[in-house]
Amino acid sequence: MTNFKDREQGFEAKFAHDAETQFKIIARRNRLLGQWAAAKMGLTQEETDAYAKAVVQADFEEAGDEDVIRKVLGDLTSAGVDADETMVRTALDEKAVEARRQFMETK
């Protein structure tokens, strides 16, 4: 019985660790996307930092990536940047790869 309980606790710990890792990678991806969009909008460094944080916060509005995409696309459009949903989704995918790579390098 102890072996089963140990295995169960091990699986629970791994699940929690994997979920935390995924959360950190997504938050990093969103920050990188915010920095990318800020560069497109010509923001200052201080504005870029604040905007990147706002993009990370936007991800808490609903499950999935749609809230982040909607925010970034709306902000780019409002700033007069020629952008479309495909461009933002492509950048999101690229930043996901970069975020995972950065995360693995820091481990």
N, C-alpha and C. Protein backbone atom coordinates (compact mmCIF):
# COMPACT_ATOMS: atom_id res chain seq x y z
N MET A 1 0.82 -1.19 0.00
CA MET A 1 0.00 0.00 0.00
C MET A 1 0.86 1.25 0.00
N THR A 2 1.98 1.23 0.68
CA THR A 2 2.86 2.38 0.75
C THR A 2 3.44 2.70 -0.63
N ASN A 3 3.80 1.68 -1.40
CA ASN A 3 4.33 1.92 -2.74
C ASN A 3 3.31 2.62 -3.63
N PHE A 4 2.06 2.21 -3.53
CA PHE A 4 1.01 2.85 -4.32
C PHE A 4 0.86 4.31 -3.91
N LYS A 5 0.87 4.56 -2.61
CA LYS A 5 0.72 5.93 -2.09
C LYS A 5 1.92 6.78 -2.53
N ASP A 6 3.12 6.20 -2.49
CA ASP A 6 4.32 6.93 -2.93
C ASP A 6 4.24 7.27 -4.41
N ARG A 7 3.79 6.32 -5.21
CA ARG A 7 3.64 6.56 -6.65
C ARG A 7 2.61 7.64 -6.91
N GLU A 8 1.51 7.58 -6.18
CA GLU A 8 0.45 8.58 -6.34
C GLU A 8 0.98 9.98 -6.01
N GLN A 9 1.71 10.10 -4.92
CA GLN A 9 2.27 11.39 -4.53
C GLN A 9 3.31 11.86 -5.54
N GLY A 10 4.07 10.93 -6.10
CA GLY A 10 5.05 11.27 -7.12
C GLY A 10 4.38 11.81 -8.38
N PHE A 11 3.29 11.16 -8.81
CA PHE A 11 2.55 11.64 -9.98
C PHE A 11 1.93 13.01 -9.73
N GLU A 12 1.40 13.21 -8.53
CA GLU A 12 0.81 14.50 -8.19
C GLU A 12 1.87 15.61 -8.20
N ALA A 13 3.04 15.30 -7.67
CA ALA A 13 4.12 16.28 -7.64
C ALA A 13 4.58 16.61 -9.06
N LYS A 14 4.68 15.60 -9.90
CA LYS A 14 5.09 15.82 -11.29
C LYS A 14 4.05 16.65 -12.03
N PHE A 15 2.78 16.35 -11.82
CA PHE A 15 1.71 17.11 -12.46
C PHE A 15 1.78 18.57 -12.04
N ALA A 16 1.95 18.82 -10.75
CA ALA A 16 2.03 20.19 -10.25
C ALA A 16 3.24 20.91 -10.83
N HIS A 17 4.36 20.22 -10.90
CA HIS A 17 5.58 20.82 -11.46
C HIS A 17 5.40 21.14 -12.94
N ASP A 18 4.82 20.21 -13.69
CA ASP A 18 4.58 20.44 -15.12
C ASP A 18 3.62 21.61 -15.36
N ALA A 19 2.58 21.71 -14.54
CA ALA A 19 1.62 22.81 -14.67
C ALA A 19 2.29 24.15 -14.37
N GLU A 20 3.12 24.18 -13.35
CA GLU A 20 3.83 25.41 -12.99
C GLU A 20 4.81 25.81 -14.09
N THR A 21 5.51 24.84 -14.66
CA THR A 21 6.44 25.11 -15.75
C THR A 21 5.71 25.67 -16.95
N GLN A 22 4.58 25.07 -17.31
CA GLN A 22 3.80 25.54 -18.45
C GLN A 22 3.31 26.97 -18.21
N PHE A 23 2.87 27.26 -17.00
CA PHE A 23 2.41 28.61 -16.66
C PHE A 23 3.53 29.62 -16.84
N LYS A 24 4.71 29.29 -16.37
CA LYS A 24 5.85 30.20 -16.48
C LYS A 24 6.24 30.43 -17.94
N ILE A 25 6.20 29.38 -18.74
CA ILE A 25 6.55 29.51 -20.15
C ILE A 25 5.53 30.39 -20.88
N ILE A 26 4.26 30.21 -20.59
CA ILE A 26 3.22 31.02 -21.23
C ILE A 26 3.34 32.48 -20.80
N ALA A 27 3.61 32.72 -19.52
CA ALA A 27 3.79 34.10 -19.06
C ALA A 27 4.99 34.74 -19.75
N ARG A 28 6.07 33.99 -19.89
CA ARG A 28 7.26 34.51 -20.59
C ARG A 28 6.94 34.78 -22.06
N ARG A 29 6.21 33.86 -22.69
CA ARG A 29 5.81 34.04 -24.09
C ARG A 29 5.00 35.32 -24.25
N ASN A 30 4.06 35.54 -23.35
CA ASN A 30 3.22 36.73 -23.43
C ASN A 30 4.03 38.01 -23.22
N ARG A 31 5.00 37.96 -22.32
CA ARG A 31 5.87 39.12 -22.10
C ARG A 31 6.68 39.40 -23.36
N LEU A 32 7.22 38.36 -23.97
CA LEU A 32 7.98 38.53 -25.21
C LEU A 32 7.10 39.07 -26.33
N LEU A 33 5.86 38.60 -26.40
CA LEU A 33 4.93 39.12 -27.41
C LEU A 33 4.65 40.60 -27.15
N GLY A 34 4.49 40.96 -25.89
CA GLY A 34 4.27 42.36 -25.54
C GLY A 34 5.46 43.23 -25.93
N GLN A 35 6.66 42.72 -25.74
CA GLN A 35 7.86 43.46 -26.14
C GLN A 35 7.93 43.60 -27.66
N TRP A 36 7.56 42.55 -28.36
CA TRP A 36 7.54 42.59 -29.83
C TRP A 36 6.54 43.64 -30.32
N ALA A 37 5.34 43.63 -29.75
CA ALA A 37 4.31 44.59 -30.16
C ALA A 37 4.71 46.01 -29.79
N ALA A 38 5.32 46.17 -28.64
CA ALA A 38 5.76 47.50 -28.21
C ALA A 38 6.81 48.07 -29.17
N ALA A 39 7.69 47.21 -29.66
CA ALA A 39 8.69 47.66 -30.64
C ALA A 39 8.00 48.10 -31.93
N LYS A 40 6.97 47.35 -32.34
CA LYS A 40 6.21 47.73 -33.53
C LYS A 40 5.53 49.08 -33.35
N MET A 41 5.09 49.37 -32.12
CA MET A 41 4.39 50.62 -31.84
C MET A 41 5.34 51.77 -31.52
N GLY A 42 6.63 51.46 -31.40
CA GLY A 42 7.62 52.51 -31.13
C GLY A 42 7.58 53.03 -29.70
N LEU A 43 7.28 52.18 -28.75
CA LEU A 43 7.21 52.60 -27.35
C LEU A 43 8.61 52.74 -26.74
N THR A 44 8.71 53.58 -25.72
CA THR A 44 9.97 53.73 -24.99
C THR A 44 10.21 52.48 -24.14
N GLN A 45 11.38 52.39 -23.54
CA GLN A 45 11.70 51.22 -22.72
C GLN A 45 10.75 51.09 -21.53
N GLU A 46 10.46 52.21 -20.88
CA GLU A 46 9.54 52.18 -19.74
C GLU A 46 8.14 51.77 -20.19
N GLU A 47 7.69 52.32 -21.32
CA GLU A 47 6.39 51.97 -21.86
C GLU A 47 6.35 50.51 -22.28
N THR A 48 7.46 50.03 -22.84
CA THR A 48 7.57 48.63 -23.25
C THR A 48 7.42 47.70 -22.06
N ASP A 49 8.11 48.00 -20.97
CA ASP A 49 8.02 47.17 -19.77
C ASP A 49 6.59 47.13 -19.24
N ALA A 50 5.94 48.29 -19.18
CA ALA A 50 4.56 48.35 -18.70
C ALA A 50 3.62 47.61 -19.65
N TYR A 51 3.84 47.77 -20.94
CA TYR A 51 2.97 47.12 -21.92
C TYR A 51 3.13 45.60 -21.86
N ALA A 52 4.36 45.13 -21.73
CA ALA A 52 4.60 43.68 -21.65
C ALA A 52 3.88 43.09 -20.43
N LYS A 53 3.89 43.81 -19.31
CA LYS A 53 3.17 43.36 -18.12
C LYS A 53 1.66 43.34 -18.38
N ALA A 54 1.17 44.34 -19.10
CA ALA A 54 -0.26 44.40 -19.41
C ALA A 54 -0.68 43.22 -20.29
N VAL A 55 0.19 42.81 -21.20
CA VAL A 55 -0.12 41.66 -22.06
C VAL A 55 -0.18 40.38 -21.21
N VAL A 56 0.75 40.24 -20.28
CA VAL A 56 0.72 39.08 -19.38
C VAL A 56 -0.58 39.08 -18.58
N GLN A 57 -0.98 40.25 -18.07
CA GLN A 57 -2.22 40.36 -17.30
C GLN A 57 -3.45 40.03 -18.15
N ALA A 58 -3.41 40.39 -19.42
CA ALA A 58 -4.55 40.15 -20.31
C ALA A 58 -4.87 38.67 -20.44
N ASP A 59 -3.88 37.82 -20.23
CA ASP A 59 -4.08 36.38 -20.38
C ASP A 59 -4.97 35.81 -19.28
N PHE A 60 -5.20 36.57 -18.22
CA PHE A 60 -6.02 36.08 -17.12
C PHE A 60 -7.51 36.35 -17.33
N GLU A 61 -7.87 37.02 -18.44
CA GLU A 61 -9.27 37.36 -18.69
C GLU A 61 -10.11 36.13 -19.04
N GLU A 62 -9.55 35.23 -19.84
CA GLU A 62 -10.29 34.03 -20.23
C GLU A 62 -9.27 32.94 -20.57
N ALA A 63 -9.75 31.72 -20.63
CA ALA A 63 -8.87 30.59 -20.96
C ALA A 63 -8.45 30.68 -22.42
N GLY A 64 -7.25 30.24 -22.70
CA GLY A 64 -6.76 30.24 -24.08
C GLY A 64 -6.02 31.51 -24.42
N ASP A 65 -5.66 31.63 -25.69
CA ASP A 65 -4.84 32.74 -26.16
C ASP A 65 -5.63 33.88 -26.77
N GLU A 66 -6.92 33.70 -26.94
CA GLU A 66 -7.72 34.69 -27.67
C GLU A 66 -7.69 36.07 -27.01
N ASP A 67 -7.69 36.11 -25.68
CA ASP A 67 -7.66 37.39 -25.00
C ASP A 67 -6.36 38.14 -25.27
N VAL A 68 -5.26 37.43 -25.31
CA VAL A 68 -3.96 38.04 -25.59
C VAL A 68 -3.91 38.53 -27.04
N ILE A 69 -4.34 37.69 -27.94
CA ILE A 69 -4.34 38.06 -29.37
C ILE A 69 -5.22 39.28 -29.59
N ARG A 70 -6.39 39.28 -29.00
CA ARG A 70 -7.32 40.40 -29.14
C ARG A 70 -6.71 41.70 -28.62
N LYS A 71 -6.06 41.64 -27.47
CA LYS A 71 -5.44 42.84 -26.88
C LYS A 71 -4.33 43.36 -27.78
N VAL A 72 -3.40 42.49 -28.15
CA VAL A 72 -2.25 42.93 -28.94
C VAL A 72 -2.70 43.45 -30.30
N LEU A 73 -3.58 42.74 -30.96
CA LEU A 73 -4.06 43.18 -32.27
C LEU A 73 -4.79 44.52 -32.16
N GLY A 74 -5.62 44.66 -31.15
CA GLY A 74 -6.32 45.92 -30.95
C GLY A 74 -5.39 47.08 -30.69
N ASP A 75 -4.36 46.84 -29.86
CA ASP A 75 -3.40 47.90 -29.55
C ASP A 75 -2.56 48.26 -30.76
N LEU A 76 -2.14 47.25 -31.53
CA LEU A 76 -1.36 47.53 -32.75
C LEU A 76 -2.19 48.34 -33.74
N THR A 77 -3.42 47.94 -33.91
CA THR A 77 -4.31 48.65 -34.84
C THR A 77 -4.55 50.09 -34.38
N SER A 78 -4.80 50.27 -33.08
CA SER A 78 -5.02 51.60 -32.53
C SER A 78 -3.81 52.50 -32.69
N ALA A 79 -2.62 51.89 -32.67
CA ALA A 79 -1.38 52.66 -32.80
C ALA A 79 -1.04 52.93 -34.27
N GLY A 80 -1.88 52.45 -35.18
CA GLY A 80 -1.65 52.69 -36.60
C GLY A 80 -0.68 51.74 -37.25
N VAL A 81 -0.39 50.63 -36.58
CA VAL A 81 0.50 49.62 -37.14
C VAL A 81 -0.32 48.73 -38.06
N ASP A 82 0.20 48.47 -39.24
CA ASP A 82 -0.48 47.59 -40.20
C ASP A 82 -0.30 46.15 -39.71
N ALA A 83 -1.31 45.62 -39.04
CA ALA A 83 -1.23 44.28 -38.46
C ALA A 83 -2.54 43.55 -38.67
N ASP A 84 -2.45 42.22 -38.72
CA ASP A 84 -3.65 41.41 -38.80
C ASP A 84 -3.50 40.23 -37.83
N GLU A 85 -4.56 39.47 -37.69
CA GLU A 85 -4.57 38.37 -36.73
C GLU A 85 -3.51 37.33 -37.05
N THR A 86 -3.30 37.05 -38.32
CA THR A 86 -2.29 36.06 -38.72
C THR A 86 -0.90 36.49 -38.26
N MET A 87 -0.60 37.76 -38.42
CA MET A 87 0.70 38.29 -38.01
C MET A 87 0.90 38.12 -36.50
N VAL A 88 -0.13 38.43 -35.72
CA VAL A 88 -0.04 38.30 -34.26
C VAL A 88 0.07 36.84 -33.86
N ARG A 89 -0.71 35.96 -34.48
CA ARG A 89 -0.63 34.53 -34.16
C ARG A 89 0.74 33.94 -34.51
N THR A 90 1.30 34.38 -35.63
CA THR A 90 2.64 33.92 -36.01
C THR A 90 3.67 34.37 -34.99
N ALA A 91 3.56 35.63 -34.58
CA ALA A 91 4.49 36.14 -33.56
C ALA A 91 4.31 35.39 -32.25
N LEU A 92 3.06 35.08 -31.89
CA LEU A 92 2.79 34.33 -30.66
C LEU A 92 3.46 32.96 -30.71
N ASP A 93 3.35 32.29 -31.85
CA ASP A 93 3.99 30.98 -32.01
C ASP A 93 5.52 31.09 -31.91
N GLU A 94 6.08 32.11 -32.55
CA GLU A 94 7.54 32.31 -32.50
C GLU A 94 7.99 32.60 -31.08
N LYS A 95 7.23 33.41 -30.36
CA LYS A 95 7.59 33.76 -28.99
C LYS A 95 7.43 32.57 -28.06
N ALA A 96 6.52 31.65 -28.38
CA ALA A 96 6.37 30.44 -27.58
C ALA A 96 7.63 29.58 -27.66
N VAL A 97 8.18 29.46 -28.86
CA VAL A 97 9.42 28.70 -29.04
C VAL A 97 10.56 29.38 -28.29
N GLU A 98 10.64 30.70 -28.43
CA GLU A 98 11.70 31.45 -27.76
C GLU A 98 11.58 31.36 -26.23
N ALA A 99 10.35 31.45 -25.73
CA ALA A 99 10.13 31.37 -24.29
C ALA A 99 10.54 30.00 -23.75
N ARG A 100 10.17 28.94 -24.45
CA ARG A 100 10.55 27.59 -24.02
C ARG A 100 12.07 27.44 -24.01
N ARG A 101 12.72 27.94 -25.06
CA ARG A 101 14.18 27.87 -25.14
C ARG A 101 14.82 28.64 -23.98
N GLN A 102 14.35 29.85 -23.73
CA GLN A 102 14.88 30.65 -22.63
C GLN A 102 14.66 29.95 -21.29
N PHE A 103 13.50 29.38 -21.10
CA PHE A 103 13.18 28.71 -19.84
C PHE A 103 14.11 27.52 -19.63
N MET A 104 14.34 26.75 -20.68
CA MET A 104 15.19 25.57 -20.55
C MET A 104 16.65 25.97 -20.30
N GLU A 105 17.07 27.11 -20.84
CA GLU A 105 18.44 27.57 -20.62
C GLU A 105 18.66 28.01 -19.17
N THR A 106 17.61 28.51 -18.51
CA THR A 106 17.76 28.99 -17.14
C THR A 106 17.64 27.88 -16.12
N LYS A 107 17.23 26.70 -16.55
CA LYS A 107 17.08 25.58 -15.60
C LYS A 107 18.38 24.94 -15.28
